[in-house]
Amino acid sequence: MGSPTNKAHLPAAGVRLVDLMQRISFGRIESLAVRDGQPVFDPPPRVIREVKFGGENGPRPEAAKPDFALKAQVRELFAQLVALGDVTIQSIEIKHGLPFKMTVEESAA
């Protein structure tokens, strides 16, 4: 099966991650556990939200919608999670409610 293209096609943990990114809008998610390619929220990740003075700081407009097409960056994030399998992501940087970059610690072996 290919990567989901709509929010409604994501598993519950994926929907939760998309909702979290949209609420953050700008900032990062730290220490996100991933098991079997899916985000895990127990223990909860750390959320760092940036506040831009004179800018838009609220959640993304899509956050209120039950379904919408996933942007390429979100589909790529979920593909990376599946490829990584079991890992703790050090950081996912969020810009405009979308994943911008991710930091993952890996062993050198």
C-alpha atoms as a PDB file:
ATOM      1  CA  MET A   1       0.000   0.000   0.000  1.00  0.00           C
ATOM      2  CA  GLY A   2       1.300   3.473  -0.852  1.00  0.00           C
ATOM      3  CA  SER A   3       1.629   6.449   1.423  1.00  0.00           C
ATOM      4  CA  PRO A   4      -1.696   8.050   2.471  1.00  0.00           C
ATOM      5  CA  THR A   5      -2.608  11.105   0.423  1.00  0.00           C
ATOM      6  CA  ASN A   6      -5.391  12.465   2.662  1.00  0.00           C
ATOM      7  CA  LYS A   7      -5.601  13.141   6.388  1.00  0.00           C
ATOM      8  CA  ALA A   8      -8.627  10.835   6.711  1.00  0.00           C
ATOM      9  CA  HIS A   9      -6.544   7.898   5.410  1.00  0.00           C
ATOM     10  CA  LEU A  10      -3.932   8.212   8.174  1.00  0.00           C
ATOM     11  CA  PRO A  11      -3.949   5.999  11.259  1.00  0.00           C
ATOM     12  CA  ALA A  12      -5.021   7.753  14.479  1.00  0.00           C
ATOM     13  CA  ALA A  13      -1.410   8.460  15.530  1.00  0.00           C
ATOM     14  CA  GLY A  14      -0.705  10.039  12.132  1.00  0.00           C
ATOM     15  CA  VAL A  15      -3.773  12.279  12.415  1.00  0.00           C
ATOM     16  CA  ARG A  16      -2.598  13.303  15.871  1.00  0.00           C
ATOM     17  CA  LEU A  17       0.840  14.243  14.516  1.00  0.00           C
ATOM     18  CA  VAL A  18      -0.633  16.262  11.633  1.00  0.00           C
ATOM     19  CA  ASP A  19      -2.985  18.048  14.058  1.00  0.00           C
ATOM     20  CA  LEU A  20      -0.058  18.818  16.385  1.00  0.00           C
ATOM     21  CA  MET A  21       2.057  20.255  13.548  1.00  0.00           C
ATOM     22  CA  GLN A  22      -0.846  22.448  12.448  1.00  0.00           C
ATOM     23  CA  ARG A  23      -1.438  23.723  15.981  1.00  0.00           C
ATOM     24  CA  ILE A  24       2.271  24.541  16.395  1.00  0.00           C
ATOM     25  CA  SER A  25       2.444  26.315  13.009  1.00  0.00           C
ATOM     26  CA  PHE A  26       6.059  27.405  13.708  1.00  0.00           C
ATOM     27  CA  GLY A  27       8.393  25.578  16.084  1.00  0.00           C
ATOM     28  CA  ARG A  28       9.512  22.010  16.651  1.00  0.00           C
ATOM     29  CA  ILE A  29       8.606  18.662  18.120  1.00  0.00           C
ATOM     30  CA  GLU A  30      11.356  17.013  20.151  1.00  0.00           C
ATOM     31  CA  SER A  31      11.858  13.459  21.414  1.00  0.00           C
ATOM     32  CA  LEU A  32       9.088  11.870  19.352  1.00  0.00           C
ATOM     33  CA  ALA A  33       9.117   8.097  19.694  1.00  0.00           C
ATOM     34  CA  VAL A  34       8.390   6.058  16.564  1.00  0.00           C
ATOM     35  CA  ARG A  35       7.414   2.375  16.765  1.00  0.00           C
ATOM     36  CA  ASP A  36       6.745   0.248  13.710  1.00  0.00           C
ATOM     37  CA  GLY A  37       6.884   3.412  11.599  1.00  0.00           C
ATOM     38  CA  GLN A  38       4.137   5.188  13.560  1.00  0.00           C
ATOM     39  CA  PRO A  39       4.477   8.144  15.953  1.00  0.00           C
ATOM     40  CA  VAL A  40       3.935   7.287  19.626  1.00  0.00           C
ATOM     41  CA  PHE A  41       2.698   9.869  22.117  1.00  0.00           C
ATOM     42  CA  ASP A  42       3.465   7.954  25.311  1.00  0.00           C
ATOM     43  CA  PRO A  43       5.669   9.459  26.586  1.00  0.00           C
ATOM     44  CA  PRO A  44       4.521  12.732  25.061  1.00  0.00           C
ATOM     45  CA  PRO A  45       7.035  14.589  22.883  1.00  0.00           C
ATOM     46  CA  ARG A  46       8.278  18.015  23.878  1.00  0.00           C
ATOM     47  CA  VAL A  47       6.722  20.873  21.878  1.00  0.00           C
ATOM     48  CA  ILE A  48       8.539  24.155  21.289  1.00  0.00           C
ATOM     49  CA  ARG A  49       6.352  26.782  19.610  1.00  0.00           C
ATOM     50  CA  GLU A  50       7.790  29.954  18.085  1.00  0.00           C
ATOM     51  CA  VAL A  51       5.840  33.185  18.463  1.00  0.00           C
ATOM     52  CA  LYS A  52       6.400  35.749  15.725  1.00  0.00           C
ATOM     53  CA  PHE A  53       5.611  39.301  16.797  1.00  0.00           C
ATOM     54  CA  GLY A  54       3.484  41.063  14.228  1.00  0.00           C
ATOM     55  CA  GLY A  55       2.969  37.742  12.431  1.00  0.00           C
ATOM     56  CA  GLU A  56       0.444  34.948  12.215  1.00  0.00           C
ATOM     57  CA  ASN A  57       0.757  32.756  15.326  1.00  0.00           C
ATOM     58  CA  GLY A  58      -2.490  30.797  15.394  1.00  0.00           C
ATOM     59  CA  PRO A  59      -3.074  27.291  14.159  1.00  0.00           C
ATOM     60  CA  ARG A  60      -3.264  26.627  10.434  1.00  0.00           C
ATOM     61  CA  PRO A  61      -6.751  27.024   8.889  1.00  0.00           C
ATOM     62  CA  GLU A  62      -6.704  23.337   7.880  1.00  0.00           C
ATOM     63  CA  ALA A  63      -6.553  22.299  11.558  1.00  0.00           C
ATOM     64  CA  ALA A  64     -10.346  22.601  11.822  1.00  0.00           C
ATOM     65  CA  LYS A  65     -10.978  20.368   8.806  1.00  0.00           C
ATOM     66  CA  PRO A  66     -11.557  16.616   9.267  1.00  0.00           C
ATOM     67  CA  ASP A  67      -9.984  15.832   5.893  1.00  0.00           C
ATOM     68  CA  PHE A  68      -7.749  17.437   3.278  1.00  0.00           C
ATOM     69  CA  ALA A  69      -5.012  16.401   0.863  1.00  0.00           C
ATOM     70  CA  LEU A  70      -1.630  15.972   2.542  1.00  0.00           C
ATOM     71  CA  LYS A  71       1.173  18.171   1.220  1.00  0.00           C
ATOM     72  CA  ALA A  72       4.284  16.491  -0.178  1.00  0.00           C
ATOM     73  CA  GLN A  73       6.305  17.360   2.945  1.00  0.00           C
ATOM     74  CA  VAL A  74       3.832  15.520   5.196  1.00  0.00           C
ATOM     75  CA  ARG A  75       3.765  12.467   2.913  1.00  0.00           C
ATOM     76  CA  GLU A  76       7.586  12.458   2.900  1.00  0.00           C
ATOM     77  CA  LEU A  77       7.675  12.672   6.714  1.00  0.00           C
ATOM     78  CA  PHE A  78       5.435   9.616   7.030  1.00  0.00           C
ATOM     79  CA  ALA A  79       7.499   7.726   4.451  1.00  0.00           C
ATOM     80  CA  GLN A  80      10.607   8.497   6.528  1.00  0.00           C
ATOM     81  CA  LEU A  81       8.903   7.250   9.703  1.00  0.00           C
ATOM     82  CA  VAL A  82       8.046   3.955   7.999  1.00  0.00           C
ATOM     83  CA  ALA A  83      11.617   3.621   6.705  1.00  0.00           C
ATOM     84  CA  LEU A  84      13.058   4.304  10.168  1.00  0.00           C
ATOM     85  CA  GLY A  85      10.794   1.784  11.911  1.00  0.00           C
ATOM     86  CA  ASP A  86      11.706   2.069  15.608  1.00  0.00           C
ATOM     87  CA  VAL A  87      13.541   5.242  16.608  1.00  0.00           C
ATOM     88  CA  THR A  88      13.295   8.397  18.670  1.00  0.00           C
ATOM     89  CA  ILE A  89      13.347  11.508  16.528  1.00  0.00           C
ATOM     90  CA  GLN A  90      15.380  14.225  18.185  1.00  0.00           C
ATOM     91  CA  SER A  91      13.574  17.058  16.432  1.00  0.00           C
ATOM     92  CA  ILE A  92      11.078  17.858  13.681  1.00  0.00           C
ATOM     93  CA  GLU A  93      11.172  21.515  12.684  1.00  0.00           C
ATOM     94  CA  ILE A  94       7.754  22.896  11.717  1.00  0.00           C
ATOM     95  CA  LYS A  95       7.172  25.872   9.399  1.00  0.00           C
ATOM     96  CA  HIS A  96       3.674  26.981   8.341  1.00  0.00           C
ATOM     97  CA  GLY A  97       2.297  23.794   9.956  1.00  0.00           C
ATOM     98  CA  LEU A  98       4.459  21.567   7.732  1.00  0.00           C
ATOM     99  CA  PRO A  99       7.519  19.483   8.552  1.00  0.00           C
ATOM    100  CA  PHE A 100      10.603  21.316   7.297  1.00  0.00           C
ATOM    101  CA  LYS A 101      13.475  19.156   8.549  1.00  0.00           C
ATOM    102  CA  MET A 102      14.075  16.287  10.935  1.00  0.00           C
ATOM    103  CA  THR A 103      17.008  15.288  13.126  1.00  0.00           C
ATOM    104  CA  VAL A 104      17.483  11.589  13.889  1.00  0.00           C
ATOM    105  CA  GLU A 105      20.308  10.054  15.892  1.00  0.00           C
ATOM    106  CA  GLU A 106      21.716   6.910  14.286  1.00  0.00           C
ATOM    107  CA  SER A 107      24.533   4.589  15.231  1.00  0.00           C
ATOM    108  CA  ALA A 108      27.685   4.655  13.136  1.00  0.00           C
ATOM    109  CA  ALA A 109      27.786   0.870  12.847  1.00  0.00           C
END
